[in-house]
Amino acid sequence: MGDEKMKHRSSNKSKMVTLVTVLLMVLTACSNENGASPSTSGSAEAAAGSKSAEVTVHIARLGGISPLMIAEEKGWIDEAFAEKGAKVEWSNFTSGPPILEALVSNRIDLSSMGDGAVITGLANQLPFEIIGLLGDGKDLNTVIVPVNSAISSVADLKGKTIGVAKGTTSHVYLIKILQSIGLSQDDVKQINLQADDALAAFETGQLDAWITLDPYVTLSVEQKKAKIIEVEGEFLAPLSMIARTGFAKEHPELVTEYLKVYQKTLDWQRDNLDEAAALYEKHSKMPASVIKTVLERSANQLSAYTPEALQAHEASSEILLNNKFLKKKPDFAKAINNTFVEKLN
């Protein structure tokens, strides 16, 4: 009887050991699944922390001549962002509408845009906010025609073939100047062309007129290939600094740093016109002499958004709405965020 009891106790003890062993194995497996292994959790957490600290900022340069070219060449933005644990990925865009597409897919965090893209983007509730004003754009857009053209006024554009990049500030300008003399888009033939393609079309006689910006205006006039058509009235076209909404909320310190470097670049450009023109010449097809002339006339200066610029957007939106270019007016007051640029003062 005693031997049977001993055997029974031994059997129970063996079962208990087995059960404890199984439980330990299960707990260890669960621990490993959750990354809590004593030997690996510390290094895994450190690696994860290092990875999460790295921020990639997507910055888009707009147009053939952008102060961001100087900032990149000098390394100012890359250095400033590196100090804050971020790196920059650069991209180039010839006009604002493609930037809107990139914003939707989170491929751009910071850039600038003309009034055409800003108005269209906000009307369609795209995810960006306005973080600064670069200028009122009073002399931004120009109508040029071949130097020997008989066209001498906006009224003469009726029935003519006009090159313009659709959805851009130049497109908005065309709509406004036509409306100012009682005409509409239907009274002209528009050819949708980006700047370099439009330049080629203009120089080969495929266009009767071209609505464009500098440096193309100065280049064509100085080469005696074009003349400027004077337009009566004042048509403002504010140029805006923009940030993707999600990025601005997640990394406000990087938005402020971006604006600081941009202001630094504008100041340097103003004080070093020859060097700036030479740098731009290296990155574009434009002669340094033409670029320097453009820079001397430039009045761009980073500031908070002004009531005048806001009113200009509101007026342009009304015109675009009446011309069925927009389906609804954007809410500019809601989109403007001056808090970042105000920190620069």
C-alpha atoms as a PDB file:
ATOM      1  CA  MET A   1       0.000   0.000   0.000  1.00  0.00           C
ATOM      2  CA  GLY A   2       2.822   2.381   0.841  1.00  0.00           C
ATOM      3  CA  ASP A   3       4.570   1.613  -2.451  1.00  0.00           C
ATOM      4  CA  GLU A   4       1.401   2.398  -4.403  1.00  0.00           C
ATOM      5  CA  LYS A   5       1.075   5.748  -2.626  1.00  0.00           C
ATOM      6  CA  MET A   6       4.689   6.586  -3.427  1.00  0.00           C
ATOM      7  CA  LYS A   7       4.168   5.701  -7.075  1.00  0.00           C
ATOM      8  CA  HIS A   8       1.023   7.795  -7.201  1.00  0.00           C
ATOM      9  CA  ARG A   9       2.792  10.814  -5.660  1.00  0.00           C
ATOM     10  CA  SER A  10       5.712  10.366  -8.042  1.00  0.00           C
ATOM     11  CA  SER A  11       3.329  10.263 -10.992  1.00  0.00           C
ATOM     12  CA  ASN A  12       1.548  13.460  -9.850  1.00  0.00           C
ATOM     13  CA  LYS A  13       4.858  15.226  -9.339  1.00  0.00           C
ATOM     14  CA  SER A  14       5.974  14.228 -12.832  1.00  0.00           C
ATOM     15  CA  LYS A  15       2.752  15.590 -14.290  1.00  0.00           C
ATOM     16  CA  MET A  16       3.178  18.851 -12.398  1.00  0.00           C
ATOM     17  CA  VAL A  17       6.740  19.275 -13.705  1.00  0.00           C
ATOM     18  CA  THR A  18       5.560  18.600 -17.232  1.00  0.00           C
ATOM     19  CA  LEU A  19       2.701  21.083 -16.874  1.00  0.00           C
ATOM     20  CA  VAL A  20       5.005  23.791 -15.511  1.00  0.00           C
ATOM     21  CA  THR A  21       7.463  23.150 -18.332  1.00  0.00           C
ATOM     22  CA  VAL A  22       4.727  23.509 -20.945  1.00  0.00           C
ATOM     23  CA  LEU A  23       3.460  26.714 -19.361  1.00  0.00           C
ATOM     24  CA  LEU A  24       6.959  28.155 -19.336  1.00  0.00           C
ATOM     25  CA  MET A  25       7.387  27.291 -22.999  1.00  0.00           C
ATOM     26  CA  VAL A  26       4.074  28.952 -23.878  1.00  0.00           C
ATOM     27  CA  LEU A  27       4.900  32.064 -21.880  1.00  0.00           C
ATOM     28  CA  THR A  28       8.335  32.268 -23.512  1.00  0.00           C
ATOM     29  CA  ALA A  29       6.813  31.941 -26.960  1.00  0.00           C
ATOM     30  CA  CYS A  30       4.280  34.669 -26.236  1.00  0.00           C
ATOM     31  CA  SER A  31       7.041  36.849 -24.850  1.00  0.00           C
ATOM     32  CA  ASN A  32       9.093  36.395 -27.994  1.00  0.00           C
ATOM     33  CA  GLU A  33       6.101  37.157 -30.220  1.00  0.00           C
ATOM     34  CA  ASN A  34       5.620  40.456 -28.448  1.00  0.00           C
ATOM     35  CA  GLY A  35       9.310  41.393 -28.786  1.00  0.00           C
ATOM     36  CA  ALA A  36       9.848  41.193 -25.008  1.00  0.00           C
ATOM     37  CA  SER A  37      12.781  38.818 -24.971  1.00  0.00           C
ATOM     38  CA  PRO A  38      15.251  40.088 -22.343  1.00  0.00           C
ATOM     39  CA  SER A  39      18.172  39.620 -24.736  1.00  0.00           C
ATOM     40  CA  THR A  40      16.621  41.383 -27.765  1.00  0.00           C
ATOM     41  CA  SER A  41      13.947  43.830 -26.617  1.00  0.00           C
ATOM     42  CA  GLY A  42      16.411  46.586 -25.712  1.00  0.00           C
ATOM     43  CA  SER A  43      18.157  46.606 -29.075  1.00  0.00           C
ATOM     44  CA  ALA A  44      14.845  46.288 -30.954  1.00  0.00           C
ATOM     45  CA  GLU A  45      13.389  49.242 -29.100  1.00  0.00           C
ATOM     46  CA  ALA A  46      16.516  51.283 -29.758  1.00  0.00           C
ATOM     47  CA  ALA A  47      16.391  50.463 -33.453  1.00  0.00           C
ATOM     48  CA  ALA A  48      12.703  51.350 -33.620  1.00  0.00           C
ATOM     49  CA  GLY A  49      13.351  54.601 -31.795  1.00  0.00           C
ATOM     50  CA  SER A  50      16.168  55.491 -34.180  1.00  0.00           C
ATOM     51  CA  LYS A  51      14.010  54.716 -37.198  1.00  0.00           C
ATOM     52  CA  SER A  52      11.009  56.707 -35.971  1.00  0.00           C
ATOM     53  CA  ALA A  53      13.214  59.733 -35.259  1.00  0.00           C
ATOM     54  CA  GLU A  54      14.164  60.086 -38.931  1.00  0.00           C
ATOM     55  CA  VAL A  55      11.811  62.383 -40.863  1.00  0.00           C
ATOM     56  CA  THR A  56      11.927  62.768 -44.633  1.00  0.00           C
ATOM     57  CA  VAL A  57      10.706  66.159 -45.839  1.00  0.00           C
ATOM     58  CA  HIS A  58       9.548  66.410 -49.455  1.00  0.00           C
ATOM     59  CA  ILE A  59      10.209  69.909 -50.819  1.00  0.00           C
ATOM     60  CA  ALA A  60       9.127  70.959 -54.316  1.00  0.00           C
ATOM     61  CA  ARG A  61      10.780  73.742 -56.285  1.00  0.00           C
ATOM     62  CA  LEU A  62       8.369  75.671 -58.502  1.00  0.00           C
ATOM     63  CA  GLY A  63       9.465  77.101 -61.848  1.00  0.00           C
ATOM     64  CA  GLY A  64      12.798  77.523 -63.565  1.00  0.00           C
ATOM     65  CA  ILE A  65      14.136  80.083 -61.088  1.00  0.00           C
ATOM     66  CA  SER A  66      13.445  79.402 -57.422  1.00  0.00           C
ATOM     67  CA  PRO A  67      15.288  80.597 -54.300  1.00  0.00           C
ATOM     68  CA  LEU A  68      15.163  76.968 -53.210  1.00  0.00           C
ATOM     69  CA  MET A  69      17.850  76.272 -55.838  1.00  0.00           C
ATOM     70  CA  ILE A  70      20.182  78.550 -53.894  1.00  0.00           C
ATOM     71  CA  ALA A  71      19.152  77.047 -50.557  1.00  0.00           C
ATOM     72  CA  GLU A  72      19.907  73.566 -51.891  1.00  0.00           C
ATOM     73  CA  GLU A  73      23.178  74.610 -53.569  1.00  0.00           C
ATOM     74  CA  LYS A  74      24.394  76.260 -50.363  1.00  0.00           C
ATOM     75  CA  GLY A  75      23.187  73.331 -48.255  1.00  0.00           C
ATOM     76  CA  TRP A  76      21.253  75.627 -45.932  1.00  0.00           C
ATOM     77  CA  ILE A  77      18.013  73.662 -45.745  1.00  0.00           C
ATOM     78  CA  ASP A  78      19.714  70.279 -45.577  1.00  0.00           C
ATOM     79  CA  GLU A  79      21.940  71.468 -42.726  1.00  0.00           C
ATOM     80  CA  ALA A  80      19.094  73.102 -40.801  1.00  0.00           C
ATOM     81  CA  PHE A  81      16.877  70.026 -41.113  1.00  0.00           C
ATOM     82  CA  ALA A  82      19.698  67.601 -40.251  1.00  0.00           C
ATOM     83  CA  GLU A  83      20.071  69.384 -36.911  1.00  0.00           C
ATOM     84  CA  LYS A  84      16.430  68.533 -36.252  1.00  0.00           C
ATOM     85  CA  GLY A  85      16.749  64.879 -37.271  1.00  0.00           C
ATOM     86  CA  ALA A  86      15.262  65.294 -40.748  1.00  0.00           C
ATOM     87  CA  LYS A  87      16.458  64.873 -44.309  1.00  0.00           C
ATOM     88  CA  VAL A  88      15.233  66.510 -47.523  1.00  0.00           C
ATOM     89  CA  GLU A  89      14.048  64.982 -50.760  1.00  0.00           C
ATOM     90  CA  TRP A  90      13.882  67.551 -53.575  1.00  0.00           C
ATOM     91  CA  SER A  91      11.637  67.626 -56.643  1.00  0.00           C
ATOM     92  CA  ASN A  92      10.985  70.080 -59.474  1.00  0.00           C
ATOM     93  CA  PHE A  93       7.667  71.249 -60.906  1.00  0.00           C
ATOM     94  CA  THR A  94       7.084  73.621 -63.804  1.00  0.00           C
ATOM     95  CA  SER A  95       3.698  74.844 -62.528  1.00  0.00           C
ATOM     96  CA  GLY A  96       1.247  74.608 -59.645  1.00  0.00           C
ATOM     97  CA  PRO A  97      -1.393  72.095 -60.858  1.00  0.00           C
ATOM     98  CA  PRO A  98       0.993  69.085 -60.783  1.00  0.00           C
ATOM     99  CA  ILE A  99       1.932  70.080 -57.234  1.00  0.00           C
ATOM    100  CA  LEU A 100      -1.718  69.687 -56.249  1.00  0.00           C
ATOM    101  CA  GLU A 101      -1.690  66.095 -57.498  1.00  0.00           C
ATOM    102  CA  ALA A 102       1.479  65.365 -55.532  1.00  0.00           C
ATOM    103  CA  LEU A 103      -0.003  66.870 -52.360  1.00  0.00           C
ATOM    104  CA  VAL A 104      -2.949  64.486 -52.496  1.00  0.00           C
ATOM    105  CA  SER A 105      -0.609  61.484 -52.620  1.00  0.00           C
ATOM    106  CA  ASN A 106       1.639  62.858 -49.822  1.00  0.00           C
ATOM    107  CA  ARG A 107       4.596  63.299 -52.185  1.00  0.00           C
ATOM    108  CA  ILE A 108       5.055  66.970 -51.263  1.00  0.00           C
ATOM    109  CA  ASP A 109       5.216  68.563 -47.827  1.00  0.00           C
ATOM    110  CA  LEU A 110       6.419  72.103 -48.579  1.00  0.00           C
ATOM    111  CA  SER A 111       6.369  74.299 -51.685  1.00  0.00           C
ATOM    112  CA  SER A 112       4.951  77.473 -53.231  1.00  0.00           C
ATOM    113  CA  MET A 113       2.098  78.038 -55.674  1.00  0.00           C
ATOM    114  CA  GLY A 114       0.525  80.767 -57.757  1.00  0.00           C
ATOM    115  CA  ASP A 115      -3.051  81.909 -57.304  1.00  0.00           C
ATOM    116  CA  GLY A 116      -4.489  79.569 -59.953  1.00  0.00           C
ATOM    117  CA  ALA A 117      -3.353  76.396 -58.215  1.00  0.00           C
ATOM    118  CA  VAL A 118      -4.100  77.769 -54.737  1.00  0.00           C
ATOM    119  CA  ILE A 119      -7.667  78.722 -55.655  1.00  0.00           C
ATOM    120  CA  THR A 120      -8.351  75.439 -57.454  1.00  0.00           C
ATOM    121  CA  GLY A 121      -6.812  73.344 -54.695  1.00  0.00           C
ATOM    122  CA  LEU A 122      -8.719  75.003 -51.871  1.00  0.00           C
ATOM    123  CA  ALA A 123     -11.973  74.931 -53.849  1.00  0.00           C
ATOM    124  CA  ASN A 124     -11.511  71.162 -54.075  1.00  0.00           C
ATOM    125  CA  GLN A 125     -10.595  70.947 -50.383  1.00  0.00           C
ATOM    126  CA  LEU A 126      -7.145  69.496 -51.004  1.00  0.00           C
ATOM    127  CA  PRO A 127      -4.936  68.924 -47.929  1.00  0.00           C
ATOM    128  CA  PHE A 128      -2.741  72.016 -47.707  1.00  0.00           C
ATOM    129  CA  GLU A 129      -2.630  75.320 -45.894  1.00  0.00           C
ATOM    130  CA  ILE A 130      -1.129  78.695 -46.795  1.00  0.00           C
ATOM    131  CA  ILE A 131       1.833  79.486 -44.533  1.00  0.00           C
ATOM    132  CA  GLY A 132       3.126  82.716 -46.053  1.00  0.00           C
ATOM    133  CA  LEU A 133       2.911  85.338 -48.781  1.00  0.00           C
ATOM    134  CA  LEU A 134       5.750  85.936 -51.263  1.00  0.00           C
ATOM    135  CA  GLY A 135       4.224  88.901 -53.066  1.00  0.00           C
ATOM    136  CA  ASP A 136       1.013  90.357 -54.445  1.00  0.00           C
ATOM    137  CA  GLY A 137       1.888  89.340 -58.015  1.00  0.00           C
ATOM    138  CA  LYS A 138       0.926  92.720 -59.471  1.00  0.00           C
ATOM    139  CA  ASP A 139       3.447  92.388 -62.303  1.00  0.00           C
ATOM    140  CA  LEU A 140       3.712  88.610 -62.292  1.00  0.00           C
ATOM    141  CA  ASN A 141       1.889  87.809 -65.561  1.00  0.00           C
ATOM    142  CA  THR A 142       2.437  89.370 -68.972  1.00  0.00           C
ATOM    143  CA  VAL A 143       0.949  89.100 -72.461  1.00  0.00           C
ATOM    144  CA  ILE A 144       3.610  88.873 -75.153  1.00  0.00           C
ATOM    145  CA  VAL A 145       3.208  88.573 -78.927  1.00  0.00           C
ATOM    146  CA  PRO A 146       5.727  88.140 -81.780  1.00  0.00           C
ATOM    147  CA  VAL A 147       7.693  91.328 -82.318  1.00  0.00           C
ATOM    148  CA  ASN A 148       6.152  91.953 -85.761  1.00  0.00           C
ATOM    149  CA  SER A 149       2.595  91.058 -84.723  1.00  0.00           C
ATOM    150  CA  ALA A 150      -0.292  93.384 -85.509  1.00  0.00           C
ATOM    151  CA  ILE A 151      -1.799  92.652 -82.078  1.00  0.00           C
ATOM    152  CA  SER A 152      -1.585  95.774 -79.937  1.00  0.00           C
ATOM    153  CA  SER A 153      -4.264  95.330 -77.255  1.00  0.00           C
ATOM    154  CA  VAL A 154      -6.175  92.697 -75.289  1.00  0.00           C
ATOM    155  CA  ALA A 155      -9.157  93.258 -77.598  1.00  0.00           C
ATOM    156  CA  ASP A 156      -6.997  92.115 -80.524  1.00  0.00           C
ATOM    157  CA  LEU A 157      -6.665  88.682 -78.903  1.00  0.00           C
ATOM    158  CA  LYS A 158     -10.198  87.780 -79.973  1.00  0.00           C
ATOM    159  CA  GLY A 159     -10.089  84.747 -82.263  1.00  0.00           C
ATOM    160  CA  LYS A 160      -6.338  84.302 -81.766  1.00  0.00           C
ATOM    161  CA  THR A 161      -4.315  81.261 -80.651  1.00  0.00           C
ATOM    162  CA  ILE A 162      -2.908  81.786 -77.174  1.00  0.00           C
ATOM    163  CA  GLY A 163      -0.419  79.652 -75.290  1.00  0.00           C
ATOM    164  CA  VAL A 164      -1.086  79.285 -71.557  1.00  0.00           C
ATOM    165  CA  ALA A 165      -0.610  76.599 -68.917  1.00  0.00           C
ATOM    166  CA  LYS A 166      -4.090  75.531 -67.822  1.00  0.00           C
ATOM    167  CA  GLY A 167      -4.954  76.019 -64.163  1.00  0.00           C
ATOM    168  CA  THR A 168      -1.978  78.278 -63.465  1.00  0.00           C
ATOM    169  CA  THR A 169      -1.759  81.915 -62.412  1.00  0.00           C
ATOM    170  CA  SER A 170      -1.315  82.844 -66.096  1.00  0.00           C
ATOM    171  CA  HIS A 171      -4.560  81.092 -66.977  1.00  0.00           C
ATOM    172  CA  VAL A 172      -6.405  82.996 -64.261  1.00  0.00           C
ATOM    173  CA  TYR A 173      -4.834  86.223 -65.545  1.00  0.00           C
ATOM    174  CA  LEU A 174      -6.053  85.513 -69.081  1.00  0.00           C
ATOM    175  CA  ILE A 175      -9.607  84.940 -67.873  1.00  0.00           C
ATOM    176  CA  LYS A 176      -9.545  88.181 -65.873  1.00  0.00           C
ATOM    177  CA  ILE A 177      -8.141  90.436 -68.577  1.00  0.00           C
ATOM    178  CA  LEU A 178     -10.570  89.044 -71.167  1.00  0.00           C
ATOM    179  CA  GLN A 179     -13.508  89.612 -68.837  1.00  0.00           C
ATOM    180  CA  SER A 180     -12.324  93.170 -68.157  1.00  0.00           C
ATOM    181  CA  ILE A 181     -13.094  94.077 -71.803  1.00  0.00           C
ATOM    182  CA  GLY A 182     -16.228  91.967 -72.158  1.00  0.00           C
ATOM    183  CA  LEU A 183     -14.660  88.838 -73.651  1.00  0.00           C
ATOM    184  CA  SER A 184     -14.446  85.259 -72.347  1.00  0.00           C
ATOM    185  CA  GLN A 185     -12.327  82.149 -72.849  1.00  0.00           C
ATOM    186  CA  ASP A 186     -14.663  81.122 -75.649  1.00  0.00           C
ATOM    187  CA  ASP A 187     -13.515  84.122 -77.684  1.00  0.00           C
ATOM    188  CA  VAL A 188      -9.934  82.797 -77.998  1.00  0.00           C
ATOM    189  CA  LYS A 189      -8.261  79.509 -78.841  1.00  0.00           C
ATOM    190  CA  GLN A 190      -6.180  78.297 -75.899  1.00  0.00           C
ATOM    191  CA  ILE A 191      -3.299  75.854 -76.249  1.00  0.00           C
ATOM    192  CA  ASN A 192      -2.339  74.214 -72.954  1.00  0.00           C
ATOM    193  CA  LEU A 193       1.468  74.380 -72.795  1.00  0.00           C
ATOM    194  CA  GLN A 194       4.030  74.332 -70.008  1.00  0.00           C
ATOM    195  CA  ALA A 195       6.713  77.049 -70.162  1.00  0.00           C
ATOM    196  CA  ASP A 196       9.479  75.347 -72.153  1.00  0.00           C
ATOM    197  CA  ASP A 197       7.039  73.893 -74.684  1.00  0.00           C
ATOM    198  CA  ALA A 198       5.279  77.246 -74.979  1.00  0.00           C
ATOM    199  CA  LEU A 199       8.601  78.995 -75.586  1.00  0.00           C
ATOM    200  CA  ALA A 200       9.368  76.641 -78.470  1.00  0.00           C
ATOM    201  CA  ALA A 201       5.869  77.063 -79.920  1.00  0.00           C
ATOM    202  CA  PHE A 202       6.086  80.848 -79.600  1.00  0.00           C
ATOM    203  CA  GLU A 203       9.485  81.075 -81.287  1.00  0.00           C
ATOM    204  CA  THR A 204       8.361  78.865 -84.189  1.00  0.00           C
ATOM    205  CA  GLY A 205       5.274  80.977 -84.921  1.00  0.00           C
ATOM    206  CA  GLN A 206       2.677  78.524 -83.644  1.00  0.00           C
ATOM    207  CA  LEU A 207       1.187  81.035 -81.201  1.00  0.00           C
ATOM    208  CA  ASP A 208      -0.350  84.458 -81.759  1.00  0.00           C
ATOM    209  CA  ALA A 209       0.218  85.334 -78.098  1.00  0.00           C
ATOM    210  CA  TRP A 210       1.627  83.828 -74.939  1.00  0.00           C
ATOM    211  CA  ILE A 211       0.595  84.530 -71.343  1.00  0.00           C
ATOM    212  CA  THR A 212       3.715  83.921 -69.293  1.00  0.00           C
ATOM    213  CA  LEU A 213       6.065  84.988 -66.506  1.00  0.00           C
ATOM    214  CA  ASP A 214       9.654  86.050 -66.145  1.00  0.00           C
ATOM    215  CA  PRO A 215      12.314  85.069 -67.029  1.00  0.00           C
ATOM    216  CA  TYR A 216      10.586  84.121 -70.298  1.00  0.00           C
ATOM    217  CA  VAL A 217       9.212  87.634 -70.829  1.00  0.00           C
ATOM    218  CA  THR A 218      12.576  89.346 -70.381  1.00  0.00           C
ATOM    219  CA  LEU A 219      14.379  86.693 -72.434  1.00  0.00           C
ATOM    220  CA  SER A 220      12.016  86.987 -75.402  1.00  0.00           C
ATOM    221  CA  VAL A 221      11.957  90.793 -75.342  1.00  0.00           C
ATOM    222  CA  GLU A 222      15.737  91.184 -75.006  1.00  0.00           C
ATOM    223  CA  GLN A 223      16.250  88.763 -77.884  1.00  0.00           C
ATOM    224  CA  LYS A 224      13.837  90.932 -79.905  1.00  0.00           C
ATOM    225  CA  LYS A 225      11.522  87.998 -80.466  1.00  0.00           C
ATOM    226  CA  ALA A 226       8.562  89.492 -78.607  1.00  0.00           C
ATOM    227  CA  LYS A 227       6.856  92.661 -77.514  1.00  0.00           C
ATOM    228  CA  ILE A 228       4.676  93.259 -74.471  1.00  0.00           C
ATOM    229  CA  ILE A 229       0.971  94.049 -74.777  1.00  0.00           C
ATOM    230  CA  GLU A 230      -0.023  96.641 -72.206  1.00  0.00           C
ATOM    231  CA  VAL A 231      -3.054  95.750 -70.119  1.00  0.00           C
ATOM    232  CA  GLU A 232      -5.228  98.394 -68.488  1.00  0.00           C
ATOM    233  CA  GLY A 233      -6.103  97.900 -64.836  1.00  0.00           C
ATOM    234  CA  GLU A 234      -4.442  96.151 -61.912  1.00  0.00           C
ATOM    235  CA  PHE A 235      -4.678  92.366 -61.607  1.00  0.00           C
ATOM    236  CA  LEU A 236      -3.126  90.949 -58.461  1.00  0.00           C
ATOM    237  CA  ALA A 237      -1.912  87.349 -58.410  1.00  0.00           C
ATOM    238  CA  PRO A 238      -0.632  86.523 -54.892  1.00  0.00           C
ATOM    239  CA  LEU A 239       2.141  83.946 -54.667  1.00  0.00           C
ATOM    240  CA  SER A 240       1.784  81.663 -51.663  1.00  0.00           C
ATOM    241  CA  MET A 241       4.019  79.463 -49.549  1.00  0.00           C
ATOM    242  CA  ILE A 242       2.163  76.248 -48.736  1.00  0.00           C
ATOM    243  CA  ALA A 243       2.469  73.188 -46.489  1.00  0.00           C
ATOM    244  CA  ARG A 244       0.664  69.873 -46.560  1.00  0.00           C
ATOM    245  CA  THR A 245      -1.797  70.019 -43.663  1.00  0.00           C
ATOM    246  CA  GLY A 246      -0.787  66.721 -42.072  1.00  0.00           C
ATOM    247  CA  PHE A 247       2.894  67.594 -42.214  1.00  0.00           C
ATOM    248  CA  ALA A 248       2.353  71.037 -40.671  1.00  0.00           C
ATOM    249  CA  LYS A 249       0.460  69.477 -37.761  1.00  0.00           C
ATOM    250  CA  GLU A 250       3.028  66.734 -37.164  1.00  0.00           C
ATOM    251  CA  HIS A 251       6.179  68.828 -37.648  1.00  0.00           C
ATOM    252  CA  PRO A 252       5.477  72.525 -36.978  1.00  0.00           C
ATOM    253  CA  GLU A 253       9.123  73.112 -36.023  1.00  0.00           C
ATOM    254  CA  LEU A 254      10.248  72.008 -39.496  1.00  0.00           C
ATOM    255  CA  VAL A 255       7.751  74.332 -41.187  1.00  0.00           C
ATOM    256  CA  THR A 256       9.145  77.262 -39.197  1.00  0.00           C
ATOM    257  CA  GLU A 257      12.722  76.224 -39.991  1.00  0.00           C
ATOM    258  CA  TYR A 258      11.858  76.009 -43.693  1.00  0.00           C
ATOM    259  CA  LEU A 259      10.524  79.571 -43.688  1.00  0.00           C
ATOM    260  CA  LYS A 260      13.590  80.823 -41.789  1.00  0.00           C
ATOM    261  CA  VAL A 261      15.925  79.402 -44.424  1.00  0.00           C
ATOM    262  CA  TYR A 262      13.737  80.699 -47.248  1.00  0.00           C
ATOM    263  CA  GLN A 263      13.898  84.221 -45.807  1.00  0.00           C
ATOM    264  CA  LYS A 264      17.658  83.890 -45.383  1.00  0.00           C
ATOM    265  CA  THR A 265      17.920  82.867 -49.041  1.00  0.00           C
ATOM    266  CA  LEU A 266      15.846  85.819 -50.267  1.00  0.00           C
ATOM    267  CA  ASP A 267      18.044  88.197 -48.252  1.00  0.00           C
ATOM    268  CA  TRP A 268      21.231  86.626 -49.640  1.00  0.00           C
ATOM    269  CA  GLN A 269      19.885  86.737 -53.198  1.00  0.00           C
ATOM    270  CA  ARG A 270      19.084  90.444 -52.904  1.00  0.00           C
ATOM    271  CA  ASP A 271      22.606  91.205 -51.653  1.00  0.00           C
ATOM    272  CA  ASN A 272      24.426  88.929 -54.117  1.00  0.00           C
ATOM    273  CA  LEU A 273      22.708  89.384 -57.474  1.00  0.00           C
ATOM    274  CA  ASP A 274      25.679  88.437 -59.657  1.00  0.00           C
ATOM    275  CA  GLU A 275      26.414  85.209 -57.806  1.00  0.00           C
ATOM    276  CA  ALA A 276      22.721  84.336 -57.630  1.00  0.00           C
ATOM    277  CA  ALA A 277      22.300  84.922 -61.369  1.00  0.00           C
ATOM    278  CA  ALA A 278      25.322  82.726 -62.127  1.00  0.00           C
ATOM    279  CA  LEU A 279      23.929  79.960 -59.937  1.00  0.00           C
ATOM    280  CA  TYR A 280      20.524  80.117 -61.631  1.00  0.00           C
ATOM    281  CA  GLU A 281      22.201  80.076 -65.048  1.00  0.00           C
ATOM    282  CA  LYS A 282      23.862  76.790 -64.100  1.00  0.00           C
ATOM    283  CA  HIS A 283      20.502  75.208 -63.288  1.00  0.00           C
ATOM    284  CA  SER A 284      18.490  76.692 -66.168  1.00  0.00           C
ATOM    285  CA  LYS A 285      18.747  77.533 -69.843  1.00  0.00           C
ATOM    286  CA  MET A 286      18.656  81.250 -69.144  1.00  0.00           C
ATOM    287  CA  PRO A 287      21.621  83.648 -69.541  1.00  0.00           C
ATOM    288  CA  ALA A 288      22.869  85.183 -66.298  1.00  0.00           C
ATOM    289  CA  SER A 289      22.329  88.690 -67.703  1.00  0.00           C
ATOM    290  CA  VAL A 290      18.621  87.998 -68.219  1.00  0.00           C
ATOM    291  CA  ILE A 291      18.279  86.435 -64.793  1.00  0.00           C
ATOM    292  CA  LYS A 292      19.988  89.382 -63.110  1.00  0.00           C
ATOM    293  CA  THR A 293      17.554  91.788 -64.789  1.00  0.00           C
ATOM    294  CA  VAL A 294      14.651  89.699 -63.503  1.00  0.00           C
ATOM    295  CA  LEU A 295      16.087  89.581 -59.976  1.00  0.00           C
ATOM    296  CA  GLU A 296      16.618  93.346 -59.918  1.00  0.00           C
ATOM    297  CA  ARG A 297      12.911  93.833 -60.623  1.00  0.00           C
ATOM    298  CA  SER A 298      11.761  91.170 -58.197  1.00  0.00           C
ATOM    299  CA  ALA A 299       9.880  92.401 -55.150  1.00  0.00           C
ATOM    300  CA  ASN A 300       9.338  89.026 -53.501  1.00  0.00           C
ATOM    301  CA  GLN A 301       9.553  89.140 -49.741  1.00  0.00           C
ATOM    302  CA  LEU A 302       8.230  86.587 -47.280  1.00  0.00           C
ATOM    303  CA  SER A 303       5.499  87.931 -45.009  1.00  0.00           C
ATOM    304  CA  ALA A 304       2.228  87.088 -43.323  1.00  0.00           C
ATOM    305  CA  TYR A 305      -0.829  87.079 -45.564  1.00  0.00           C
ATOM    306  CA  THR A 306      -2.308  90.544 -46.001  1.00  0.00           C
ATOM    307  CA  PRO A 307      -5.965  91.605 -46.275  1.00  0.00           C
ATOM    308  CA  GLU A 308      -5.199  92.888 -49.799  1.00  0.00           C
ATOM    309  CA  ALA A 309      -3.908  89.483 -50.916  1.00  0.00           C
ATOM    310  CA  LEU A 310      -6.910  87.770 -49.384  1.00  0.00           C
ATOM    311  CA  GLN A 311      -9.275  90.165 -51.172  1.00  0.00           C
ATOM    312  CA  ALA A 312      -7.452  89.502 -54.454  1.00  0.00           C
ATOM    313  CA  HIS A 313      -8.053  85.770 -54.049  1.00  0.00           C
ATOM    314  CA  GLU A 314     -11.704  86.350 -53.217  1.00  0.00           C
ATOM    315  CA  ALA A 315     -12.195  88.536 -56.310  1.00  0.00           C
ATOM    316  CA  SER A 316     -10.411  86.049 -58.574  1.00  0.00           C
ATOM    317  CA  SER A 317     -12.497  83.198 -57.174  1.00  0.00           C
ATOM    318  CA  GLU A 318     -15.697  85.063 -57.985  1.00  0.00           C
ATOM    319  CA  ILE A 319     -14.552  85.577 -61.580  1.00  0.00           C
ATOM    320  CA  LEU A 320     -13.528  81.932 -61.941  1.00  0.00           C
ATOM    321  CA  LEU A 321     -16.832  80.811 -60.482  1.00  0.00           C
ATOM    322  CA  ASN A 322     -18.756  82.948 -62.983  1.00  0.00           C
ATOM    323  CA  ASN A 323     -16.658  81.490 -65.796  1.00  0.00           C
ATOM    324  CA  LYS A 324     -17.456  77.936 -64.571  1.00  0.00           C
ATOM    325  CA  PHE A 325     -13.800  77.325 -63.862  1.00  0.00           C
ATOM    326  CA  LEU A 326     -14.800  76.526 -60.260  1.00  0.00           C
ATOM    327  CA  LYS A 327     -17.807  74.694 -58.869  1.00  0.00           C
ATOM    328  CA  LYS A 328     -17.642  76.484 -55.511  1.00  0.00           C
ATOM    329  CA  LYS A 329     -15.642  79.225 -53.834  1.00  0.00           C
ATOM    330  CA  PRO A 330     -12.791  78.247 -51.513  1.00  0.00           C
ATOM    331  CA  ASP A 331     -12.622  79.222 -47.851  1.00  0.00           C
ATOM    332  CA  PHE A 332      -9.401  81.243 -47.804  1.00  0.00           C
ATOM    333  CA  ALA A 333      -9.733  82.513 -44.247  1.00  0.00           C
ATOM    334  CA  LYS A 334      -9.777  78.936 -42.992  1.00  0.00           C
ATOM    335  CA  ALA A 335      -6.768  77.937 -45.102  1.00  0.00           C
ATOM    336  CA  ILE A 336      -4.424  80.793 -44.151  1.00  0.00           C
ATOM    337  CA  ASN A 337      -2.109  80.066 -41.223  1.00  0.00           C
ATOM    338  CA  ASN A 338       0.171  82.998 -40.403  1.00  0.00           C
ATOM    339  CA  THR A 339       1.475  81.521 -37.132  1.00  0.00           C
ATOM    340  CA  PHE A 340       4.622  80.059 -38.700  1.00  0.00           C
ATOM    341  CA  VAL A 341       5.800  83.166 -40.524  1.00  0.00           C
ATOM    342  CA  GLU A 342       4.994  85.350 -37.528  1.00  0.00           C
ATOM    343  CA  LYS A 343       7.596  83.408 -35.523  1.00  0.00           C
ATOM    344  CA  LEU A 344      10.315  84.766 -37.807  1.00  0.00           C
ATOM    345  CA  ASN A 345       9.995  88.300 -36.430  1.00  0.00           C
END
